[in-house]
PDB file of N, CA and C in Angstrom:
ATOM      1  N   MET A   1      99.402  87.245  98.329  1.00  0.00           N
ATOM      2  CA  MET A   1      99.358  88.535  98.969  1.00  0.00           C
ATOM      3  C   MET A   1      99.329  88.338 100.478  1.00  0.00           C
ATOM      4  N   GLU A   2      99.816  89.310 101.188  1.00  0.00           N
ATOM      5  CA  GLU A   2      99.749  89.289 102.650  1.00  0.00           C
ATOM      6  C   GLU A   2      98.513  90.043 103.097  1.00  0.00           C
ATOM      7  N   ILE A   3      97.787  89.437 104.023  1.00  0.00           N
ATOM      8  CA  ILE A   3      96.583  90.065 104.564  1.00  0.00           C
ATOM      9  C   ILE A   3      96.752  90.180 106.069  1.00  0.00           C
ATOM     10  N   THR A   4      96.605  91.391 106.570  1.00  0.00           N
ATOM     11  CA  THR A   4      96.615  91.600 108.014  1.00  0.00           C
ATOM     12  C   THR A   4      95.192  91.470 108.517  1.00  0.00           C
ATOM     13  N   VAL A   5      95.013  90.619 109.519  1.00  0.00           N
ATOM     14  CA  VAL A   5      93.694  90.396 110.106  1.00  0.00           C
ATOM     15  C   VAL A   5      93.754  90.852 111.554  1.00  0.00           C
ATOM     16  N   LYS A   6      92.817  91.695 111.927  1.00  0.00           N
ATOM     17  CA  LYS A   6      92.715  92.169 113.310  1.00  0.00           C
ATOM     18  C   LYS A   6      91.529  91.490 113.975  1.00  0.00           C
ATOM     19  N   TYR A   7      91.740  91.086 115.221  1.00  0.00           N
ATOM     20  CA  TYR A   7      90.716  90.395 115.993  1.00  0.00           C
ATOM     21  C   TYR A   7      90.304  91.275 117.175  1.00  0.00           C
ATOM     22  N   PHE A   8      89.014  91.275 117.482  1.00  0.00           N
ATOM     23  CA  PHE A   8      88.498  92.103 118.564  1.00  0.00           C
ATOM     24  C   PHE A   8      87.616  91.275 119.489  1.00  0.00           C
ATOM     25  N   GLY A   9      87.514  91.716 120.755  1.00  0.00           N
ATOM     26  CA  GLY A   9      86.607  91.112 121.730  1.00  0.00           C
ATOM     27  C   GLY A   9      86.839  89.629 121.918  1.00  0.00           C
ATOM     28  N   GLN A  10      85.734  88.857 121.933  1.00  0.00           N
ATOM     29  CA  GLN A  10      85.845  87.425 122.172  1.00  0.00           C
ATOM     30  C   GLN A  10      86.606  86.709 121.068  1.00  0.00           C
ATOM     31  N   ILE A  11      86.671  87.295 119.890  1.00  0.00           N
ATOM     32  CA  ILE A  11      87.444  86.694 118.801  1.00  0.00           C
ATOM     33  C   ILE A  11      88.930  86.727 119.150  1.00  0.00           C
ATOM     34  N   ALA A  12      89.387  87.844 119.706  1.00  0.00           N
ATOM     35  CA  ALA A  12      90.786  87.947 120.149  1.00  0.00           C
ATOM     36  C   ALA A  12      91.063  86.970 121.286  1.00  0.00           C
ATOM     37  N   GLU A  13      90.068  86.746 122.136  1.00  0.00           N
ATOM     38  CA  GLU A  13      90.236  85.785 123.226  1.00  0.00           C
ATOM     39  C   GLU A  13      90.405  84.367 122.677  1.00  0.00           C
ATOM     40  N   ILE A  14      89.643  84.011 121.660  1.00  0.00           N
ATOM     41  CA  ILE A  14      89.728  82.671 121.072  1.00  0.00           C
ATOM     42  C   ILE A  14      91.060  82.479 120.347  1.00  0.00           C
ATOM     43  N   THR A  15      91.472  83.472 119.573  1.00  0.00           N
ATOM     44  CA  THR A  15      92.713  83.339 118.797  1.00  0.00           C
ATOM     45  C   THR A  15      93.959  83.586 119.638  1.00  0.00           C
ATOM     46  N   GLN A  16      93.774  84.226 120.801  1.00  0.00           N
ATOM     47  CA  GLN A  16      94.893  84.627 121.661  1.00  0.00           C
ATOM     48  C   GLN A  16      95.810  85.620 120.943  1.00  0.00           C
ATOM     49  N   LYS A  17      95.231  86.368 119.987  1.00  0.00           N
ATOM     50  CA  LYS A  17      95.982  87.371 119.230  1.00  0.00           C
ATOM     51  C   LYS A  17      95.081  88.562 118.949  1.00  0.00           C
ATOM     52  N   LYS A  18      95.706  89.723 118.820  1.00  0.00           N
ATOM     53  CA  LYS A  18      94.969  90.913 118.407  1.00  0.00           C
ATOM     54  C   LYS A  18      95.119  91.159 116.908  1.00  0.00           C
ATOM     55  N   GLU A  19      96.188  90.606 116.339  1.00  0.00           N
ATOM     56  CA  GLU A  19      96.484  90.838 114.928  1.00  0.00           C
ATOM     57  C   GLU A  19      97.340  89.695 114.412  1.00  0.00           C
ATOM     58  N   GLU A  20      97.179  89.398 113.118  1.00  0.00           N
ATOM     59  CA  GLU A  20      97.930  88.305 112.514  1.00  0.00           C
ATOM     60  C   GLU A  20      98.024  88.550 111.007  1.00  0.00           C
ATOM     61  N   THR A  21      99.074  88.034 110.389  1.00  0.00           N
ATOM     62  CA  THR A  21      99.236  88.154 108.947  1.00  0.00           C
ATOM     63  C   THR A  21      99.107  86.782 108.305  1.00  0.00           C
ATOM     64  N   PHE A  22      98.303  86.710 107.255  1.00  0.00           N
ATOM     65  CA  PHE A  22      98.115  85.486 106.487  1.00  0.00           C
ATOM     66  C   PHE A  22      98.654  85.692 105.079  1.00  0.00           C
ATOM     67  N   LEU A  23      99.169  84.634 104.473  1.00  0.00           N
ATOM     68  CA  LEU A  23      99.474  84.634 103.047  1.00  0.00           C
ATOM     69  C   LEU A  23      98.276  84.001 102.354  1.00  0.00           C
ATOM     70  N   TYR A  24      97.737  84.685 101.360  1.00  0.00           N
ATOM     71  CA  TYR A  24      96.533  84.206 100.689  1.00  0.00           C
ATOM     72  C   TYR A  24      96.607  84.621  99.235  1.00  0.00           C
ATOM     73  N   SER A  25      96.248  83.708  98.328  1.00  0.00           N
ATOM     74  CA  SER A  25      96.337  84.038  96.905  1.00  0.00           C
ATOM     75  C   SER A  25      95.218  84.992  96.508  1.00  0.00           C
ATOM     76  N   GLU A  26      94.072  84.460  96.169  1.00  0.00           N
ATOM     77  CA  GLU A  26      92.920  85.316  95.886  1.00  0.00           C
ATOM     78  C   GLU A  26      91.660  84.487  95.967  1.00  0.00           C
ATOM     79  N   GLY A  27      90.564  85.152  96.139  1.00  0.00           N
ATOM     80  CA  GLY A  27      89.291  84.461  96.257  1.00  0.00           C
ATOM     81  C   GLY A  27      88.303  85.301  97.022  1.00  0.00           C
ATOM     82  N   LEU A  28      87.261  84.642  97.466  1.00  0.00           N
ATOM     83  CA  LEU A  28      86.202  85.321  98.202  1.00  0.00           C
ATOM     84  C   LEU A  28      86.513  85.354  99.694  1.00  0.00           C
ATOM     85  N   ILE A  29      85.918  86.303 100.360  1.00  0.00           N
ATOM     86  CA  ILE A  29      86.061  86.399 101.808  1.00  0.00           C
ATOM     87  C   ILE A  29      85.616  85.087 102.458  1.00  0.00           C
ATOM     88  N   SER A  30      84.533  84.486 101.971  1.00  0.00           N
ATOM     89  CA  SER A  30      84.040  83.231 102.555  1.00  0.00           C
ATOM     90  C   SER A  30      85.101  82.140 102.493  1.00  0.00           C
ATOM     91  N   GLU A  31      85.864  82.084 101.399  1.00  0.00           N
ATOM     92  CA  GLU A  31      86.921  81.080 101.263  1.00  0.00           C
ATOM     93  C   GLU A  31      88.065  81.370 102.232  1.00  0.00           C
ATOM     94  N   PHE A  32      88.383  82.637 102.390  1.00  0.00           N
ATOM     95  CA  PHE A  32      89.431  83.013 103.334  1.00  0.00           C
ATOM     96  C   PHE A  32      89.014  82.670 104.766  1.00  0.00           C
ATOM     97  N   ILE A  33      87.761  82.940 105.111  1.00  0.00           N
ATOM     98  CA  ILE A  33      87.272  82.656 106.459  1.00  0.00           C
ATOM     99  C   ILE A  33      87.337  81.159 106.746  1.00  0.00           C
ATOM    100  N   GLU A  34      87.132  80.323 105.741  1.00  0.00           N
ATOM    101  CA  GLU A  34      87.271  78.873 105.937  1.00  0.00           C
ATOM    102  C   GLU A  34      88.694  78.529 106.384  1.00  0.00           C
ATOM    103  N   GLU A  35      89.685  79.225 105.845  1.00  0.00           N
ATOM    104  CA  GLU A  35      91.073  79.011 106.275  1.00  0.00           C
ATOM    105  C   GLU A  35      91.261  79.442 107.730  1.00  0.00           C
ATOM    106  N   VAL A  36      90.630  80.539 108.098  1.00  0.00           N
ATOM    107  CA  VAL A  36      90.715  81.012 109.485  1.00  0.00           C
ATOM    108  C   VAL A  36      90.056  79.983 110.414  1.00  0.00           C
ATOM    109  N   TYR A  37      88.903  79.427 109.990  1.00  0.00           N
ATOM    110  CA  TYR A  37      88.228  78.399 110.786  1.00  0.00           C
ATOM    111  C   TYR A  37      89.098  77.162 110.982  1.00  0.00           C
ATOM    112  N   GLU A  38      89.879  76.802 109.951  1.00  0.00           N
ATOM    113  CA  GLU A  38      90.768  75.644 110.077  1.00  0.00           C
ATOM    114  C   GLU A  38      91.802  75.881 111.174  1.00  0.00           C
ATOM    115  N   LYS A  39      92.293  77.100 111.249  1.00  0.00           N
ATOM    116  CA  LYS A  39      93.306  77.438 112.256  1.00  0.00           C
ATOM    117  C   LYS A  39      92.678  77.622 113.636  1.00  0.00           C
ATOM    118  N   TYR A  40      91.466  78.194 113.675  1.00  0.00           N
ATOM    119  CA  TYR A  40      90.776  78.485 114.935  1.00  0.00           C
ATOM    120  C   TYR A  40      89.353  77.916 114.889  1.00  0.00           C
ATOM    121  N   PRO A  41      89.195  76.600 115.087  1.00  0.00           N
ATOM    122  CA  PRO A  41      87.860  75.992 114.998  1.00  0.00           C
ATOM    123  C   PRO A  41      86.846  76.598 115.971  1.00  0.00           C
ATOM    124  N   GLY A  42      87.310  77.147 117.074  1.00  0.00           N
ATOM    125  CA  GLY A  42      86.416  77.764 118.050  1.00  0.00           C
ATOM    126  C   GLY A  42      85.650  78.953 117.495  1.00  0.00           C
ATOM    127  N   LEU A  43      86.115  79.537 116.412  1.00  0.00           N
ATOM    128  CA  LEU A  43      85.425  80.695 115.817  1.00  0.00           C
ATOM    129  C   LEU A  43      84.136  80.311 115.107  1.00  0.00           C
ATOM    130  N   LYS A  44      83.993  79.026 114.774  1.00  0.00           N
ATOM    131  CA  LYS A  44      82.786  78.597 114.054  1.00  0.00           C
ATOM    132  C   LYS A  44      81.519  78.856 114.862  1.00  0.00           C
ATOM    133  N   SER A  45      81.637  78.891 116.177  1.00  0.00           N
ATOM    134  CA  SER A  45      80.457  79.091 117.020  1.00  0.00           C
ATOM    135  C   SER A  45      80.216  80.566 117.348  1.00  0.00           C
ATOM    136  N   VAL A  46      81.048  81.457 116.801  1.00  0.00           N
ATOM    137  CA  VAL A  46      80.931  82.884 117.100  1.00  0.00           C
ATOM    138  C   VAL A  46      80.325  83.609 115.900  1.00  0.00           C
ATOM    139  N   ASN A  47      79.329  84.429 116.175  1.00  0.00           N
ATOM    140  CA  ASN A  47      78.738  85.259 115.131  1.00  0.00           C
ATOM    141  C   ASN A  47      79.558  86.541 115.050  1.00  0.00           C
ATOM    142  N   PHE A  48      80.092  86.869 113.873  1.00  0.00           N
ATOM    143  CA  PHE A  48      80.892  88.082 113.745  1.00  0.00           C
ATOM    144  C   PHE A  48      80.701  88.726 112.378  1.00  0.00           C
ATOM    145  N   LYS A  49      81.014  89.999 112.321  1.00  0.00           N
ATOM    146  CA  LYS A  49      81.001  90.767 111.068  1.00  0.00           C
ATOM    147  C   LYS A  49      82.428  90.872 110.563  1.00  0.00           C
ATOM    148  N   ILE A  50      82.564  91.142 109.270  1.00  0.00           N
ATOM    149  CA  ILE A  50      83.880  91.278 108.663  1.00  0.00           C
ATOM    150  C   ILE A  50      83.972  92.646 108.011  1.00  0.00           C
ATOM    151  N   ALA A  51      85.080  93.322 108.284  1.00  0.00           N
ATOM    152  CA  ALA A  51      85.345  94.611 107.641  1.00  0.00           C
ATOM    153  C   ALA A  51      86.622  94.474 106.817  1.00  0.00           C
ATOM    154  N   GLN A  52      86.599  95.059 105.644  1.00  0.00           N
ATOM    155  CA  GLN A  52      87.774  95.114 104.784  1.00  0.00           C
ATOM    156  C   GLN A  52      88.009  96.585 104.465  1.00  0.00           C
ATOM    157  N   ALA A  53      89.216  97.050 104.736  1.00  0.00           N
ATOM    158  CA  ALA A  53      89.538  98.465 104.537  1.00  0.00           C
ATOM    159  C   ALA A  53      88.549  99.350 105.304  1.00  0.00           C
ATOM    160  N   GLN A  54      88.189  98.925 106.508  1.00  0.00           N
ATOM    161  CA  GLN A  54      87.327  99.649 107.438  1.00  0.00           C
ATOM    162  C   GLN A  54      85.887  99.823 106.945  1.00  0.00           C
ATOM    163  N   GLN A  55      85.446  98.916 106.060  1.00  0.00           N
ATOM    164  CA  GLN A  55      84.056  98.918 105.587  1.00  0.00           C
ATOM    165  C   GLN A  55      83.473  97.528 105.833  1.00  0.00           C
ATOM    166  N   LEU A  56      82.284  97.451 106.428  1.00  0.00           N
ATOM    167  CA  LEU A  56      81.633  96.153 106.601  1.00  0.00           C
ATOM    168  C   LEU A  56      81.314  95.569 105.229  1.00  0.00           C
ATOM    169  N   ILE A  57      81.590  94.278 105.081  1.00  0.00           N
ATOM    170  CA  ILE A  57      81.391  93.634 103.784  1.00  0.00           C
ATOM    171  C   ILE A  57      80.693  92.293 103.964  1.00  0.00           C
ATOM    172  N   SER A  58      80.223  91.733 102.846  1.00  0.00           N
ATOM    173  CA  SER A  58      79.626  90.398 102.873  1.00  0.00           C
ATOM    174  C   SER A  58      80.720  89.379 102.570  1.00  0.00           C
ATOM    175  N   THR A  59      80.424  88.144 102.874  1.00  0.00           N
ATOM    176  CA  THR A  59      81.406  87.081 102.625  1.00  0.00           C
ATOM    177  C   THR A  59      81.535  86.755 101.143  1.00  0.00           C
ATOM    178  N   GLN A  60      80.672  87.316 100.319  1.00  0.00           N
ATOM    179  CA  GLN A  60      80.741  87.056  98.881  1.00  0.00           C
ATOM    180  C   GLN A  60      81.599  88.071  98.129  1.00  0.00           C
ATOM    181  N   GLU A  61      82.201  88.999  98.853  1.00  0.00           N
ATOM    182  CA  GLU A  61      83.103  89.965  98.221  1.00  0.00           C
ATOM    183  C   GLU A  61      84.477  89.348  98.071  1.00  0.00           C
ATOM    184  N   LYS A  62      85.274  89.926  97.185  1.00  0.00           N
ATOM    185  CA  LYS A  62      86.621  89.414  96.944  1.00  0.00           C
ATOM    186  C   LYS A  62      87.598  89.950  97.979  1.00  0.00           C
ATOM    187  N   VAL A  63      88.589  89.132  98.276  1.00  0.00           N
ATOM    188  CA  VAL A  63      89.693  89.567  99.128  1.00  0.00           C
ATOM    189  C   VAL A  63      90.554  90.501  98.292  1.00  0.00           C
ATOM    190  N   THR A  64      90.798  91.710  98.803  1.00  0.00           N
ATOM    191  CA  THR A  64      91.563  92.696  98.037  1.00  0.00           C
ATOM    192  C   THR A  64      93.006  92.832  98.517  1.00  0.00           C
ATOM    193  N   GLY A  65      93.308  92.238  99.657  1.00  0.00           N
ATOM    194  CA  GLY A  65      94.649  92.379 100.211  1.00  0.00           C
ATOM    195  C   GLY A  65      94.737  93.480 101.247  1.00  0.00           C
ATOM    196  N   GLU A  66      93.635  94.228 101.388  1.00  0.00           N
ATOM    197  CA  GLU A  66      93.617  95.262 102.411  1.00  0.00           C
ATOM    198  C   GLU A  66      93.320  94.629 103.762  1.00  0.00           C
ATOM    199  N   GLU A  67      93.528  95.387 104.804  1.00  0.00           N
ATOM    200  CA  GLU A  67      93.326  94.890 106.167  1.00  0.00           C
ATOM    201  C   GLU A  67      91.903  94.378 106.381  1.00  0.00           C
ATOM    202  N   LEU A  68      91.814  93.229 107.047  1.00  0.00           N
ATOM    203  CA  LEU A  68      90.526  92.674 107.444  1.00  0.00           C
ATOM    204  C   LEU A  68      90.390  92.773 108.951  1.00  0.00           C
ATOM    205  N   ALA A  69      89.169  92.929 109.414  1.00  0.00           N
ATOM    206  CA  ALA A  69      88.899  92.933 110.844  1.00  0.00           C
ATOM    207  C   ALA A  69      87.712  92.012 111.097  1.00  0.00           C
ATOM    208  N   LEU A  70      87.853  91.151 112.114  1.00  0.00           N
ATOM    209  CA  LEU A  70      86.746  90.288 112.529  1.00  0.00           C
ATOM    210  C   LEU A  70      86.150  90.914 113.781  1.00  0.00           C
ATOM    211  N   LEU A  71      84.890  91.340 113.662  1.00  0.00           N
ATOM    212  CA  LEU A  71      84.234  92.129 114.700  1.00  0.00           C
ATOM    213  C   LEU A  71      83.128  91.329 115.368  1.00  0.00           C
ATOM    214  N   PRO A  72      83.208  91.174 116.697  1.00  0.00           N
ATOM    215  CA  PRO A  72      82.153  90.459 117.413  1.00  0.00           C
ATOM    216  C   PRO A  72      80.863  91.281 117.427  1.00  0.00           C
ATOM    217  N   PRO A  73      79.755  90.661 117.842  1.00  0.00           N
ATOM    218  CA  PRO A  73      78.496  91.423 117.919  1.00  0.00           C
ATOM    219  C   PRO A  73      78.658  92.638 118.831  1.00  0.00           C
ATOM    220  N   PHE A  74      78.028  93.712 118.442  1.00  0.00           N
ATOM    221  CA  PHE A  74      78.097  94.936 119.235  1.00  0.00           C
ATOM    222  C   PHE A  74      76.997  94.922 120.276  1.00  0.00           C
ATOM    223  N   ALA A  75      77.315  95.374 121.465  1.00  0.00           N
ATOM    224  CA  ALA A  75      76.310  95.475 122.516  1.00  0.00           C
ATOM    225  C   ALA A  75      75.599  96.823 122.370  1.00  0.00           C
ATOM    226  N   GLY A  76      74.290  96.778 122.384  1.00  0.00           N
ATOM    227  CA  GLY A  76      73.525  98.027 122.283  1.00  0.00           C
ATOM    228  C   GLY A  76      73.323  98.655 123.641  1.00  0.00           C
ATOM    229  N   GLY A  77      72.947  99.911 123.630  1.00  0.00           N
ATOM    230  CA  GLY A  77      72.733 100.534 124.928  1.00  0.00           C
ATOM    231  C   GLY A  77      71.968 101.805 124.816  1.00  0.00           C
TER     232      GLY A  77
END
């Protein structure tokens, strides 16, 4: 399946992209993120949240093929 991944904030700075498409069979979000880490090792030091279909999810959820977003920590105010 094709998965569109959107990057925001410092994550976009590390990847040098705002959006990217990955080919991925199936599995858990944690397994998919390991593939992203292989491509962008600099992300391992960044704390981020993951949204799938515009809902925050845990890394133990399954990849559904819907859009993923990697969200950096939010600044409070």
